[in-house]
Amino acid sequence: MPKRLKTLVDLPTNKDKLVEFCREKGLNGYEIEIILRIYWKKQSLNFISYNMDFSKYGRPQKYYSVRSINNFHKDAFLKLIMK
């Protein structure tokens, strides 16, 4: 999935520039981390669902399913495209 969506937006390859780009577009902290993990660290959604702690971002659950993370990713990517 990341390879298909990366063709829509030219994302920076540098970590700091990618974080700055996400902040300019108004992404939340957990959305920025999801984007970083997918496009910079090249992690899979399964790996993210088992290892990313969402409680530090004020989310009600500590871990989320792959489907939820996929929805978070789609929402974050739409923010990157639309704004």
N, C-alpha and C. Protein backbone atom coordinates (compact mmCIF):
# COMPACT_ATOMS: atom_id res chain seq x y z
N MET A 1 0.81 -1.20 0.00
CA MET A 1 0.00 0.00 0.00
C MET A 1 0.85 1.26 0.00
N PRO A 2 1.90 1.40 0.78
CA PRO A 2 2.67 2.63 0.75
C PRO A 2 3.26 2.96 -0.61
N LYS A 3 3.66 1.94 -1.36
CA LYS A 3 4.27 2.21 -2.65
C LYS A 3 3.27 2.82 -3.62
N ARG A 4 2.02 2.41 -3.54
CA ARG A 4 1.01 2.97 -4.44
C ARG A 4 0.69 4.41 -4.09
N LEU A 5 0.56 4.71 -2.82
CA LEU A 5 0.17 6.06 -2.40
C LEU A 5 1.31 7.06 -2.52
N LYS A 6 2.54 6.59 -2.45
CA LYS A 6 3.67 7.51 -2.53
C LYS A 6 3.74 8.21 -3.87
N THR A 7 3.17 7.61 -4.91
CA THR A 7 3.20 8.24 -6.22
C THR A 7 2.25 9.45 -6.29
N LEU A 8 1.30 9.55 -5.38
CA LEU A 8 0.37 10.67 -5.38
C LEU A 8 0.99 11.96 -4.86
N VAL A 9 1.86 11.85 -3.86
CA VAL A 9 2.49 13.01 -3.24
C VAL A 9 3.98 12.75 -3.18
N ASP A 10 4.76 13.74 -3.52
CA ASP A 10 6.21 13.61 -3.43
C ASP A 10 6.63 13.89 -2.00
N LEU A 11 6.78 12.83 -1.21
CA LEU A 11 7.14 12.97 0.20
C LEU A 11 8.65 13.14 0.34
N PRO A 12 9.07 14.00 1.26
CA PRO A 12 10.51 14.16 1.49
C PRO A 12 11.14 12.87 2.00
N THR A 13 12.39 12.64 1.65
CA THR A 13 13.08 11.43 2.09
C THR A 13 13.81 11.64 3.41
N ASN A 14 14.06 12.86 3.79
CA ASN A 14 14.71 13.17 5.06
C ASN A 14 13.67 13.14 6.18
N LYS A 15 14.03 12.57 7.32
CA LYS A 15 13.08 12.43 8.43
C LYS A 15 12.60 13.79 8.93
N ASP A 16 13.52 14.72 9.14
CA ASP A 16 13.15 16.04 9.67
C ASP A 16 12.24 16.80 8.70
N LYS A 17 12.54 16.71 7.42
CA LYS A 17 11.70 17.38 6.43
C LYS A 17 10.32 16.74 6.34
N LEU A 18 10.26 15.42 6.51
CA LEU A 18 8.98 14.73 6.48
C LEU A 18 8.12 15.12 7.67
N VAL A 19 8.73 15.21 8.85
CA VAL A 19 8.00 15.63 10.05
C VAL A 19 7.51 17.06 9.89
N GLU A 20 8.36 17.93 9.37
CA GLU A 20 7.98 19.33 9.15
C GLU A 20 6.84 19.44 8.14
N PHE A 21 6.90 18.66 7.07
CA PHE A 21 5.85 18.64 6.06
C PHE A 21 4.52 18.20 6.67
N CYS A 22 4.56 17.18 7.52
CA CYS A 22 3.34 16.68 8.17
C CYS A 22 2.76 17.72 9.13
N ARG A 23 3.62 18.41 9.86
CA ARG A 23 3.14 19.44 10.80
C ARG A 23 2.52 20.61 10.05
N GLU A 24 3.11 20.97 8.90
CA GLU A 24 2.54 22.05 8.09
C GLU A 24 1.14 21.71 7.61
N LYS A 25 0.90 20.44 7.36
CA LYS A 25 -0.40 19.99 6.88
C LYS A 25 -1.40 19.76 8.01
N GLY A 26 -0.97 19.87 9.27
CA GLY A 26 -1.88 19.79 10.40
C GLY A 26 -2.15 18.39 10.91
N LEU A 27 -1.20 17.48 10.78
CA LEU A 27 -1.39 16.12 11.26
C LEU A 27 -1.17 16.05 12.77
N ASN A 28 -1.87 15.11 13.41
CA ASN A 28 -1.71 14.87 14.84
C ASN A 28 -0.42 14.10 15.08
N GLY A 29 -0.04 13.96 16.34
CA GLY A 29 1.18 13.25 16.68
C GLY A 29 1.19 11.81 16.26
N TYR A 30 0.09 11.10 16.51
CA TYR A 30 0.06 9.69 16.12
C TYR A 30 0.00 9.52 14.61
N GLU A 31 -0.60 10.47 13.91
CA GLU A 31 -0.64 10.40 12.45
C GLU A 31 0.75 10.62 11.87
N ILE A 32 1.51 11.53 12.46
CA ILE A 32 2.88 11.76 12.01
C ILE A 32 3.71 10.51 12.23
N GLU A 33 3.55 9.87 13.40
CA GLU A 33 4.32 8.65 13.66
C GLU A 33 3.95 7.53 12.70
N ILE A 34 2.68 7.41 12.36
CA ILE A 34 2.26 6.38 11.40
C ILE A 34 2.88 6.65 10.03
N ILE A 35 2.85 7.90 9.58
CA ILE A 35 3.46 8.26 8.30
C ILE A 35 4.95 7.98 8.32
N LEU A 36 5.63 8.34 9.41
CA LEU A 36 7.06 8.07 9.52
C LEU A 36 7.37 6.58 9.49
N ARG A 37 6.58 5.81 10.22
CA ARG A 37 6.83 4.37 10.28
C ARG A 37 6.59 3.71 8.92
N ILE A 38 5.61 4.17 8.17
CA ILE A 38 5.30 3.55 6.88
C ILE A 38 6.27 4.00 5.79
N TYR A 39 6.50 5.31 5.68
CA TYR A 39 7.24 5.83 4.54
C TYR A 39 8.73 6.04 4.80
N TRP A 40 9.15 6.22 6.04
CA TRP A 40 10.56 6.43 6.32
C TRP A 40 11.22 5.16 6.86
N LYS A 41 10.54 4.50 7.82
CA LYS A 41 11.10 3.27 8.39
C LYS A 41 10.69 2.03 7.62
N LYS A 42 9.74 2.16 6.69
CA LYS A 42 9.27 1.05 5.85
C LYS A 42 8.71 -0.12 6.68
N GLN A 43 7.93 0.21 7.71
CA GLN A 43 7.33 -0.81 8.56
C GLN A 43 5.96 -1.19 8.03
N SER A 44 5.58 -2.43 8.26
CA SER A 44 4.27 -2.91 7.81
C SER A 44 3.20 -2.51 8.82
N LEU A 45 1.95 -2.57 8.39
CA LEU A 45 0.85 -2.25 9.29
C LEU A 45 0.75 -3.26 10.42
N ASN A 46 1.07 -4.52 10.16
CA ASN A 46 1.06 -5.53 11.22
C ASN A 46 2.09 -5.19 12.30
N PHE A 47 3.28 -4.82 11.89
CA PHE A 47 4.33 -4.46 12.85
C PHE A 47 3.92 -3.24 13.66
N ILE A 48 3.33 -2.25 13.00
CA ILE A 48 2.90 -1.04 13.70
C ILE A 48 1.80 -1.37 14.70
N SER A 49 0.87 -2.24 14.33
CA SER A 49 -0.24 -2.56 15.24
C SER A 49 0.25 -3.26 16.50
N TYR A 50 1.34 -4.01 16.42
CA TYR A 50 1.85 -4.70 17.60
C TYR A 50 2.82 -3.86 18.42
N ASN A 51 3.45 -2.85 17.84
CA ASN A 51 4.53 -2.15 18.53
C ASN A 51 4.29 -0.67 18.81
N MET A 52 3.34 -0.03 18.17
CA MET A 52 3.15 1.40 18.39
C MET A 52 2.21 1.63 19.57
N ASP A 53 2.64 2.43 20.52
CA ASP A 53 1.87 2.72 21.71
C ASP A 53 1.08 4.01 21.49
N PHE A 54 -0.24 3.89 21.39
CA PHE A 54 -1.09 5.05 21.11
C PHE A 54 -1.48 5.81 22.38
N SER A 55 -1.27 5.21 23.54
CA SER A 55 -1.67 5.88 24.79
C SER A 55 -0.86 7.15 25.05
N LYS A 56 0.35 7.23 24.51
CA LYS A 56 1.16 8.44 24.72
C LYS A 56 0.64 9.63 23.91
N TYR A 57 -0.29 9.38 22.99
CA TYR A 57 -0.90 10.45 22.21
C TYR A 57 -2.31 10.78 22.69
N GLY A 58 -2.72 10.20 23.82
CA GLY A 58 -4.03 10.50 24.37
C GLY A 58 -5.16 9.68 23.78
N ARG A 59 -4.84 8.63 23.07
CA ARG A 59 -5.86 7.75 22.49
C ARG A 59 -6.40 6.84 23.59
N PRO A 60 -7.67 6.41 23.51
CA PRO A 60 -8.25 5.60 24.57
C PRO A 60 -7.67 4.19 24.69
N GLN A 61 -7.09 3.65 23.62
CA GLN A 61 -6.50 2.32 23.66
C GLN A 61 -4.99 2.42 23.51
N LYS A 62 -4.30 1.39 24.01
CA LYS A 62 -2.85 1.37 23.87
C LYS A 62 -2.44 0.86 22.49
N TYR A 63 -3.11 -0.18 22.01
CA TYR A 63 -2.82 -0.76 20.70
C TYR A 63 -4.10 -0.81 19.87
N TYR A 64 -3.93 -0.70 18.57
CA TYR A 64 -5.06 -0.75 17.64
C TYR A 64 -4.83 -1.86 16.61
N SER A 65 -5.92 -2.28 15.98
CA SER A 65 -5.85 -3.33 14.97
C SER A 65 -5.27 -2.78 13.67
N VAL A 66 -4.94 -3.69 12.78
CA VAL A 66 -4.41 -3.31 11.48
C VAL A 66 -5.44 -2.49 10.71
N ARG A 67 -6.70 -2.87 10.83
CA ARG A 67 -7.76 -2.13 10.14
C ARG A 67 -7.85 -0.69 10.65
N SER A 68 -7.77 -0.50 11.95
CA SER A 68 -7.82 0.85 12.51
C SER A 68 -6.62 1.67 12.07
N ILE A 69 -5.44 1.07 12.09
CA ILE A 69 -4.24 1.78 11.66
C ILE A 69 -4.33 2.13 10.18
N ASN A 70 -4.90 1.24 9.39
CA ASN A 70 -5.09 1.54 7.98
C ASN A 70 -6.03 2.74 7.81
N ASN A 71 -7.07 2.81 8.61
CA ASN A 71 -7.98 3.97 8.55
C ASN A 71 -7.28 5.24 9.02
N PHE A 72 -6.47 5.16 10.08
CA PHE A 72 -5.70 6.32 10.53
C PHE A 72 -4.75 6.78 9.42
N HIS A 73 -4.13 5.83 8.74
CA HIS A 73 -3.21 6.15 7.66
C HIS A 73 -3.94 6.83 6.51
N LYS A 74 -5.10 6.31 6.15
CA LYS A 74 -5.86 6.93 5.05
C LYS A 74 -6.27 8.36 5.40
N ASP A 75 -6.72 8.57 6.64
CA ASP A 75 -7.10 9.92 7.06
C ASP A 75 -5.91 10.87 7.04
N ALA A 76 -4.76 10.39 7.52
CA ALA A 76 -3.56 11.22 7.53
C ALA A 76 -3.10 11.53 6.10
N PHE A 77 -3.16 10.54 5.23
CA PHE A 77 -2.73 10.76 3.86
C PHE A 77 -3.66 11.72 3.13
N LEU A 78 -4.96 11.64 3.43
CA LEU A 78 -5.90 12.61 2.84
C LEU A 78 -5.59 14.02 3.29
N LYS A 79 -5.19 14.18 4.55
CA LYS A 79 -4.79 15.50 5.03
C LYS A 79 -3.57 16.00 4.28
N LEU A 80 -2.64 15.11 3.99
CA LEU A 80 -1.45 15.51 3.24
C LEU A 80 -1.79 15.96 1.81
N ILE A 81 -2.75 15.30 1.22
CA ILE A 81 -3.13 15.62 -0.16
C ILE A 81 -4.00 16.86 -0.24
N MET A 82 -4.98 16.98 0.64
CA MET A 82 -6.00 18.02 0.52
C MET A 82 -5.53 19.40 0.93
N LYS A 83 -4.76 19.51 1.97
CA LYS A 83 -4.42 20.84 2.49
C LYS A 83 -3.25 21.44 1.78
